[in-house]
Amino acid sequence: MTTTAGADPELDQRLSDELSAFNAAATPGVAAAEELTVRMETEGELIAGASGWTWGQAAGIAMTWVRQDQRGAGVGARLLAAFESEAADRGCTHVFVTSFTFQAPEFYQRLGYEEIFRWDSVPTPGRDDVHLRKNL
């Protein structure tokens, strides 16, 4: 047996393929997970983006970013509304997201997300990993 550490894109792909096959066998009749991305641009410049997935009735947001000079102007709310709309069009009934306390859990809560779990002191003492959910 050997162990290695560090980036391994080939392993990542193999794990993804194996888990997708396992999940498909365990959920017959449910379409495979599908990526969902939303980008917002102005004059050809990226100002915000969200990426995640949909699978069955669930959607998950993996990453959300709004350019610094666009924060507080409603761009993030429009970005998530577009993500949620596409998720609903795909048959999703809820969306999950995680956000560290130094990121934007309050932003998500203002948009109707409810905290369902919190890991205290992750990634470091004084900072928490907040898990949120919104019903669509």
N, C-alpha and C. Protein backbone atom coordinates (compact mmCIF):
# COMPACT_ATOMS: atom_id res chain seq x y z
N MET A 1 0.85 -1.17 0.00
CA MET A 1 0.00 0.00 0.00
C MET A 1 0.89 1.23 0.00
N THR A 2 0.53 2.22 -0.82
CA THR A 2 1.27 3.47 -0.83
C THR A 2 0.32 4.61 -0.52
N THR A 3 0.85 5.64 0.06
CA THR A 3 0.07 6.85 0.31
C THR A 3 0.83 8.03 -0.24
N THR A 4 0.11 8.97 -0.76
CA THR A 4 0.71 10.20 -1.26
C THR A 4 -0.17 11.37 -0.84
N ALA A 5 0.41 12.53 -0.83
CA ALA A 5 -0.34 13.74 -0.50
C ALA A 5 -0.10 14.76 -1.59
N GLY A 6 -0.99 15.71 -1.70
CA GLY A 6 -0.85 16.75 -2.72
C GLY A 6 -1.93 16.59 -3.78
N ALA A 7 -1.92 17.47 -4.74
CA ALA A 7 -2.92 17.47 -5.80
C ALA A 7 -2.77 16.22 -6.67
N ASP A 8 -3.90 15.65 -7.04
CA ASP A 8 -3.91 14.47 -7.89
C ASP A 8 -5.19 14.49 -8.73
N PRO A 9 -5.19 15.24 -9.83
CA PRO A 9 -6.39 15.36 -10.66
C PRO A 9 -6.90 14.01 -11.18
N GLU A 10 -5.99 13.10 -11.48
CA GLU A 10 -6.41 11.78 -11.96
C GLU A 10 -7.19 11.04 -10.88
N LEU A 11 -6.72 11.10 -9.65
CA LEU A 11 -7.43 10.48 -8.54
C LEU A 11 -8.78 11.16 -8.33
N ASP A 12 -8.80 12.49 -8.36
CA ASP A 12 -10.06 13.22 -8.20
C ASP A 12 -11.09 12.76 -9.21
N GLN A 13 -10.68 12.61 -10.47
CA GLN A 13 -11.61 12.17 -11.51
C GLN A 13 -12.09 10.75 -11.25
N ARG A 14 -11.19 9.88 -10.85
CA ARG A 14 -11.57 8.50 -10.58
C ARG A 14 -12.56 8.43 -9.43
N LEU A 15 -12.30 9.17 -8.37
CA LEU A 15 -13.22 9.19 -7.23
C LEU A 15 -14.59 9.72 -7.65
N SER A 16 -14.60 10.78 -8.43
CA SER A 16 -15.85 11.34 -8.92
C SER A 16 -16.63 10.32 -9.74
N ASP A 17 -15.93 9.64 -10.64
CA ASP A 17 -16.57 8.63 -11.48
C ASP A 17 -17.13 7.49 -10.64
N GLU A 18 -16.35 7.00 -9.68
CA GLU A 18 -16.78 5.89 -8.85
C GLU A 18 -17.99 6.27 -7.99
N LEU A 19 -17.94 7.46 -7.38
CA LEU A 19 -19.06 7.90 -6.55
C LEU A 19 -20.31 8.17 -7.38
N SER A 20 -20.14 8.71 -8.57
CA SER A 20 -21.29 8.94 -9.45
C SER A 20 -21.96 7.62 -9.80
N ALA A 21 -21.17 6.59 -10.09
CA ALA A 21 -21.72 5.27 -10.41
C ALA A 21 -22.45 4.68 -9.20
N PHE A 22 -21.85 4.81 -8.03
CA PHE A 22 -22.47 4.31 -6.80
C PHE A 22 -23.79 5.04 -6.54
N ASN A 23 -23.77 6.37 -6.66
CA ASN A 23 -24.97 7.17 -6.41
C ASN A 23 -26.08 6.83 -7.40
N ALA A 24 -25.72 6.63 -8.66
CA ALA A 24 -26.72 6.29 -9.68
C ALA A 24 -27.38 4.95 -9.36
N ALA A 25 -26.59 4.00 -8.92
CA ALA A 25 -27.16 2.69 -8.57
C ALA A 25 -28.07 2.78 -7.35
N ALA A 26 -27.76 3.68 -6.44
CA ALA A 26 -28.55 3.81 -5.21
C ALA A 26 -29.81 4.65 -5.41
N THR A 27 -29.89 5.40 -6.51
CA THR A 27 -31.03 6.29 -6.74
C THR A 27 -31.57 6.10 -8.15
N PRO A 28 -32.09 4.90 -8.44
CA PRO A 28 -32.61 4.66 -9.79
C PRO A 28 -33.73 5.64 -10.13
N GLY A 29 -33.74 6.10 -11.36
CA GLY A 29 -34.76 7.04 -11.80
C GLY A 29 -34.43 8.49 -11.53
N VAL A 30 -33.35 8.76 -10.82
CA VAL A 30 -32.94 10.13 -10.54
C VAL A 30 -31.80 10.48 -11.50
N ALA A 31 -31.95 11.58 -12.21
CA ALA A 31 -30.90 12.00 -13.14
C ALA A 31 -29.60 12.26 -12.40
N ALA A 32 -28.51 12.07 -13.08
CA ALA A 32 -27.18 12.32 -12.49
C ALA A 32 -27.04 13.78 -12.08
N ALA A 33 -26.18 14.02 -11.13
CA ALA A 33 -25.89 15.39 -10.72
C ALA A 33 -25.43 16.19 -11.94
N GLU A 34 -25.81 17.45 -11.95
CA GLU A 34 -25.48 18.33 -13.07
C GLU A 34 -24.93 19.64 -12.52
N GLU A 35 -23.87 20.13 -13.14
CA GLU A 35 -23.31 21.41 -12.71
C GLU A 35 -24.29 22.54 -12.99
N LEU A 36 -24.24 23.55 -12.14
CA LEU A 36 -25.04 24.75 -12.34
C LEU A 36 -24.13 25.94 -12.06
N THR A 37 -23.93 26.76 -13.05
CA THR A 37 -23.12 27.96 -12.87
C THR A 37 -23.88 29.17 -13.39
N VAL A 38 -23.67 30.29 -12.74
CA VAL A 38 -24.26 31.56 -13.14
C VAL A 38 -23.15 32.60 -13.11
N ARG A 39 -23.06 33.38 -14.18
CA ARG A 39 -22.07 34.45 -14.21
C ARG A 39 -22.77 35.75 -14.53
N MET A 40 -22.26 36.82 -13.95
CA MET A 40 -22.79 38.16 -14.23
C MET A 40 -21.63 39.00 -14.74
N GLU A 41 -21.88 39.68 -15.83
CA GLU A 41 -20.86 40.53 -16.45
C GLU A 41 -21.44 41.91 -16.71
N THR A 42 -20.58 42.87 -16.78
CA THR A 42 -20.93 44.20 -17.23
C THR A 42 -19.81 44.65 -18.15
N GLU A 43 -20.17 45.07 -19.33
CA GLU A 43 -19.20 45.51 -20.33
C GLU A 43 -18.09 44.48 -20.53
N GLY A 44 -18.47 43.21 -20.54
CA GLY A 44 -17.51 42.14 -20.78
C GLY A 44 -16.64 41.76 -19.59
N GLU A 45 -16.84 42.40 -18.46
CA GLU A 45 -16.05 42.13 -17.26
C GLU A 45 -16.87 41.30 -16.28
N LEU A 46 -16.28 40.25 -15.74
CA LEU A 46 -16.94 39.43 -14.74
C LEU A 46 -17.09 40.24 -13.45
N ILE A 47 -18.33 40.32 -12.95
CA ILE A 47 -18.55 41.03 -11.69
C ILE A 47 -19.04 40.11 -10.58
N ALA A 48 -19.53 38.92 -10.97
CA ALA A 48 -20.01 37.97 -9.96
C ALA A 48 -20.20 36.61 -10.59
N GLY A 49 -20.13 35.59 -9.75
CA GLY A 49 -20.37 34.25 -10.25
C GLY A 49 -20.72 33.31 -9.10
N ALA A 50 -21.47 32.28 -9.47
CA ALA A 50 -21.81 31.23 -8.52
C ALA A 50 -21.69 29.91 -9.26
N SER A 51 -21.18 28.89 -8.56
CA SER A 51 -21.12 27.57 -9.16
C SER A 51 -21.54 26.55 -8.13
N GLY A 52 -22.16 25.50 -8.63
CA GLY A 52 -22.62 24.45 -7.75
C GLY A 52 -23.18 23.31 -8.57
N TRP A 53 -24.25 22.70 -8.08
CA TRP A 53 -24.78 21.50 -8.70
C TRP A 53 -26.25 21.34 -8.37
N THR A 54 -26.91 20.51 -9.14
CA THR A 54 -28.25 20.05 -8.82
C THR A 54 -28.25 18.54 -8.91
N TRP A 55 -29.05 17.91 -8.06
CA TRP A 55 -29.19 16.45 -8.08
C TRP A 55 -30.49 16.11 -7.40
N GLY A 56 -31.40 15.53 -8.14
CA GLY A 56 -32.71 15.24 -7.59
C GLY A 56 -33.39 16.53 -7.17
N GLN A 57 -33.84 16.58 -5.94
CA GLN A 57 -34.53 17.76 -5.43
C GLN A 57 -33.60 18.77 -4.77
N ALA A 58 -32.31 18.48 -4.74
CA ALA A 58 -31.36 19.33 -4.02
C ALA A 58 -30.46 20.10 -4.98
N ALA A 59 -30.13 21.30 -4.55
CA ALA A 59 -29.11 22.10 -5.23
C ALA A 59 -28.09 22.51 -4.18
N GLY A 60 -26.86 22.63 -4.59
CA GLY A 60 -25.80 23.05 -3.68
C GLY A 60 -24.97 24.14 -4.32
N ILE A 61 -24.65 25.14 -3.55
CA ILE A 61 -23.76 26.21 -4.01
C ILE A 61 -22.39 25.90 -3.45
N ALA A 62 -21.42 25.73 -4.34
CA ALA A 62 -20.05 25.44 -3.91
C ALA A 62 -19.25 26.71 -3.74
N MET A 63 -19.44 27.67 -4.66
CA MET A 63 -18.67 28.91 -4.61
C MET A 63 -19.54 30.08 -5.06
N THR A 64 -19.42 31.19 -4.36
CA THR A 64 -20.08 32.44 -4.73
C THR A 64 -19.05 33.55 -4.59
N TRP A 65 -19.02 34.42 -5.58
CA TRP A 65 -18.08 35.54 -5.52
C TRP A 65 -18.72 36.75 -6.17
N VAL A 66 -18.56 37.92 -5.53
CA VAL A 66 -18.99 39.20 -6.09
C VAL A 66 -17.79 40.14 -5.99
N ARG A 67 -17.49 40.77 -7.11
CA ARG A 67 -16.35 41.70 -7.14
C ARG A 67 -16.54 42.78 -6.08
N GLN A 68 -15.46 43.14 -5.42
CA GLN A 68 -15.49 44.06 -4.28
C GLN A 68 -16.30 45.33 -4.56
N ASP A 69 -16.10 45.97 -5.70
CA ASP A 69 -16.79 47.23 -5.97
C ASP A 69 -18.27 47.05 -6.29
N GLN A 70 -18.74 45.81 -6.38
CA GLN A 70 -20.15 45.53 -6.66
C GLN A 70 -20.91 45.07 -5.43
N ARG A 71 -20.21 44.84 -4.34
CA ARG A 71 -20.86 44.35 -3.13
C ARG A 71 -21.73 45.44 -2.51
N GLY A 72 -22.89 45.03 -2.02
CA GLY A 72 -23.83 45.97 -1.42
C GLY A 72 -24.73 46.66 -2.41
N ALA A 73 -24.60 46.31 -3.70
CA ALA A 73 -25.40 46.96 -4.74
C ALA A 73 -26.50 46.05 -5.28
N GLY A 74 -26.74 44.91 -4.64
CA GLY A 74 -27.78 44.01 -5.09
C GLY A 74 -27.34 42.97 -6.10
N VAL A 75 -26.07 43.01 -6.50
CA VAL A 75 -25.56 42.05 -7.49
C VAL A 75 -25.62 40.63 -6.94
N GLY A 76 -25.20 40.44 -5.71
CA GLY A 76 -25.21 39.11 -5.11
C GLY A 76 -26.62 38.54 -5.01
N ALA A 77 -27.58 39.39 -4.64
CA ALA A 77 -28.97 38.94 -4.54
C ALA A 77 -29.49 38.51 -5.91
N ARG A 78 -29.17 39.27 -6.95
CA ARG A 78 -29.60 38.89 -8.31
C ARG A 78 -28.91 37.61 -8.75
N LEU A 79 -27.65 37.45 -8.38
CA LEU A 79 -26.89 36.25 -8.72
C LEU A 79 -27.55 35.01 -8.11
N LEU A 80 -27.85 35.08 -6.82
CA LEU A 80 -28.47 33.92 -6.16
C LEU A 80 -29.89 33.68 -6.66
N ALA A 81 -30.61 34.75 -6.98
CA ALA A 81 -31.96 34.57 -7.54
C ALA A 81 -31.89 33.80 -8.85
N ALA A 82 -30.89 34.10 -9.67
CA ALA A 82 -30.73 33.38 -10.94
C ALA A 82 -30.36 31.93 -10.70
N PHE A 83 -29.47 31.68 -9.74
CA PHE A 83 -29.09 30.31 -9.39
C PHE A 83 -30.31 29.53 -8.90
N GLU A 84 -31.05 30.13 -7.98
CA GLU A 84 -32.23 29.48 -7.40
C GLU A 84 -33.30 29.23 -8.46
N SER A 85 -33.48 30.16 -9.37
CA SER A 85 -34.47 30.00 -10.43
C SER A 85 -34.14 28.81 -11.32
N GLU A 86 -32.88 28.70 -11.71
CA GLU A 86 -32.47 27.57 -12.54
C GLU A 86 -32.60 26.26 -11.77
N ALA A 87 -32.25 26.28 -10.48
CA ALA A 87 -32.39 25.08 -9.66
C ALA A 87 -33.86 24.66 -9.59
N ALA A 88 -34.75 25.61 -9.39
CA ALA A 88 -36.18 25.31 -9.34
C ALA A 88 -36.67 24.77 -10.67
N ASP A 89 -36.19 25.36 -11.78
CA ASP A 89 -36.57 24.87 -13.11
C ASP A 89 -36.13 23.43 -13.32
N ARG A 90 -35.06 23.02 -12.63
CA ARG A 90 -34.57 21.64 -12.72
C ARG A 90 -35.29 20.71 -11.74
N GLY A 91 -36.24 21.23 -10.99
CA GLY A 91 -37.00 20.40 -10.07
C GLY A 91 -36.52 20.41 -8.64
N CYS A 92 -35.59 21.27 -8.31
CA CYS A 92 -35.08 21.32 -6.93
C CYS A 92 -36.06 22.03 -6.01
N THR A 93 -36.12 21.56 -4.78
CA THR A 93 -37.00 22.15 -3.78
C THR A 93 -36.23 22.88 -2.68
N HIS A 94 -34.90 22.76 -2.68
CA HIS A 94 -34.10 23.44 -1.67
C HIS A 94 -32.65 23.58 -2.15
N VAL A 95 -31.96 24.54 -1.53
CA VAL A 95 -30.57 24.83 -1.86
C VAL A 95 -29.76 24.81 -0.57
N PHE A 96 -28.56 24.23 -0.65
CA PHE A 96 -27.62 24.21 0.47
C PHE A 96 -26.41 25.06 0.14
N VAL A 97 -25.81 25.67 1.16
CA VAL A 97 -24.57 26.42 1.00
C VAL A 97 -23.84 26.43 2.34
N THR A 98 -22.52 26.53 2.29
CA THR A 98 -21.74 26.74 3.51
C THR A 98 -20.97 28.05 3.36
N SER A 99 -20.74 28.70 4.48
CA SER A 99 -20.03 29.97 4.48
C SER A 99 -19.34 30.13 5.83
N PHE A 100 -18.08 30.47 5.81
CA PHE A 100 -17.39 30.74 7.07
C PHE A 100 -17.88 32.06 7.64
N THR A 101 -17.77 32.21 8.96
CA THR A 101 -18.26 33.43 9.60
C THR A 101 -17.54 34.67 9.10
N PHE A 102 -16.33 34.54 8.57
CA PHE A 102 -15.63 35.70 8.04
C PHE A 102 -15.99 35.95 6.57
N GLN A 103 -16.87 35.12 6.02
CA GLN A 103 -17.33 35.33 4.65
C GLN A 103 -18.71 36.00 4.67
N ALA A 104 -19.78 35.24 4.39
CA ALA A 104 -21.06 35.93 4.18
C ALA A 104 -22.30 35.18 4.68
N PRO A 105 -22.27 34.54 5.86
CA PRO A 105 -23.50 33.87 6.28
C PRO A 105 -24.67 34.83 6.46
N GLU A 106 -24.41 36.05 6.89
CA GLU A 106 -25.49 37.02 7.07
C GLU A 106 -26.13 37.38 5.72
N PHE A 107 -25.33 37.44 4.67
CA PHE A 107 -25.84 37.70 3.32
C PHE A 107 -26.87 36.63 2.94
N TYR A 108 -26.50 35.38 3.12
CA TYR A 108 -27.42 34.29 2.78
C TYR A 108 -28.67 34.35 3.66
N GLN A 109 -28.52 34.65 4.94
CA GLN A 109 -29.67 34.71 5.83
C GLN A 109 -30.63 35.83 5.41
N ARG A 110 -30.10 36.96 4.97
CA ARG A 110 -30.97 38.04 4.48
C ARG A 110 -31.79 37.60 3.27
N LEU A 111 -31.28 36.61 2.54
CA LEU A 111 -31.97 36.13 1.35
C LEU A 111 -32.83 34.90 1.63
N GLY A 112 -33.05 34.60 2.89
CA GLY A 112 -33.97 33.53 3.26
C GLY A 112 -33.34 32.20 3.61
N TYR A 113 -32.03 32.13 3.64
CA TYR A 113 -31.35 30.89 4.03
C TYR A 113 -31.36 30.79 5.55
N GLU A 114 -31.56 29.58 6.05
CA GLU A 114 -31.58 29.35 7.50
C GLU A 114 -30.40 28.48 7.90
N GLU A 115 -29.76 28.85 8.99
CA GLU A 115 -28.65 28.05 9.50
C GLU A 115 -29.17 26.71 9.99
N ILE A 116 -28.55 25.63 9.51
CA ILE A 116 -28.95 24.30 9.96
C ILE A 116 -27.86 23.59 10.74
N PHE A 117 -26.64 24.10 10.66
CA PHE A 117 -25.53 23.47 11.36
C PHE A 117 -24.36 24.44 11.41
N ARG A 118 -23.57 24.34 12.46
CA ARG A 118 -22.37 25.17 12.59
C ARG A 118 -21.26 24.35 13.21
N TRP A 119 -20.09 24.37 12.55
CA TRP A 119 -18.89 23.77 13.13
C TRP A 119 -18.10 24.89 13.77
N ASP A 120 -18.05 24.88 15.11
CA ASP A 120 -17.28 25.89 15.83
C ASP A 120 -15.79 25.69 15.61
N SER A 121 -15.08 26.79 15.55
CA SER A 121 -13.61 26.79 15.45
C SER A 121 -13.09 26.09 14.20
N VAL A 122 -13.81 26.21 13.10
CA VAL A 122 -13.35 25.70 11.80
C VAL A 122 -13.39 26.85 10.82
N PRO A 123 -12.29 27.27 10.25
CA PRO A 123 -11.03 26.56 10.15
C PRO A 123 -10.04 26.86 11.28
N THR A 124 -10.33 27.88 12.09
CA THR A 124 -9.44 28.23 13.19
C THR A 124 -10.28 28.71 14.37
N PRO A 125 -9.73 28.75 15.58
CA PRO A 125 -10.48 29.27 16.71
C PRO A 125 -11.00 30.68 16.42
N GLY A 126 -12.24 30.93 16.83
CA GLY A 126 -12.84 32.24 16.61
C GLY A 126 -13.55 32.38 15.28
N ARG A 127 -13.47 31.36 14.45
CA ARG A 127 -14.14 31.35 13.15
C ARG A 127 -14.92 30.06 13.03
N ASP A 128 -16.10 30.13 12.43
CA ASP A 128 -16.95 28.95 12.33
C ASP A 128 -17.34 28.69 10.88
N ASP A 129 -17.69 27.44 10.60
CA ASP A 129 -18.18 27.00 9.31
C ASP A 129 -19.70 26.85 9.43
N VAL A 130 -20.45 27.72 8.74
CA VAL A 130 -21.90 27.78 8.88
C VAL A 130 -22.55 27.12 7.67
N HIS A 131 -23.45 26.16 7.93
CA HIS A 131 -24.19 25.46 6.87
C HIS A 131 -25.61 26.00 6.85
N LEU A 132 -26.09 26.36 5.66
CA LEU A 132 -27.40 26.97 5.53
C LEU A 132 -28.24 26.26 4.47
N ARG A 133 -29.56 26.43 4.56
CA ARG A 133 -30.49 25.82 3.63
C ARG A 133 -31.62 26.80 3.36
N LYS A 134 -32.09 26.78 2.12
CA LYS A 134 -33.25 27.57 1.74
C LYS A 134 -34.22 26.69 0.98
N ASN A 135 -35.49 26.73 1.38
CA ASN A 135 -36.52 26.03 0.62
C ASN A 135 -36.93 26.91 -0.56
N LEU A 136 -37.07 26.29 -1.70
CA LEU A 136 -37.46 27.05 -2.89
C LEU A 136 -38.97 27.01 -3.07
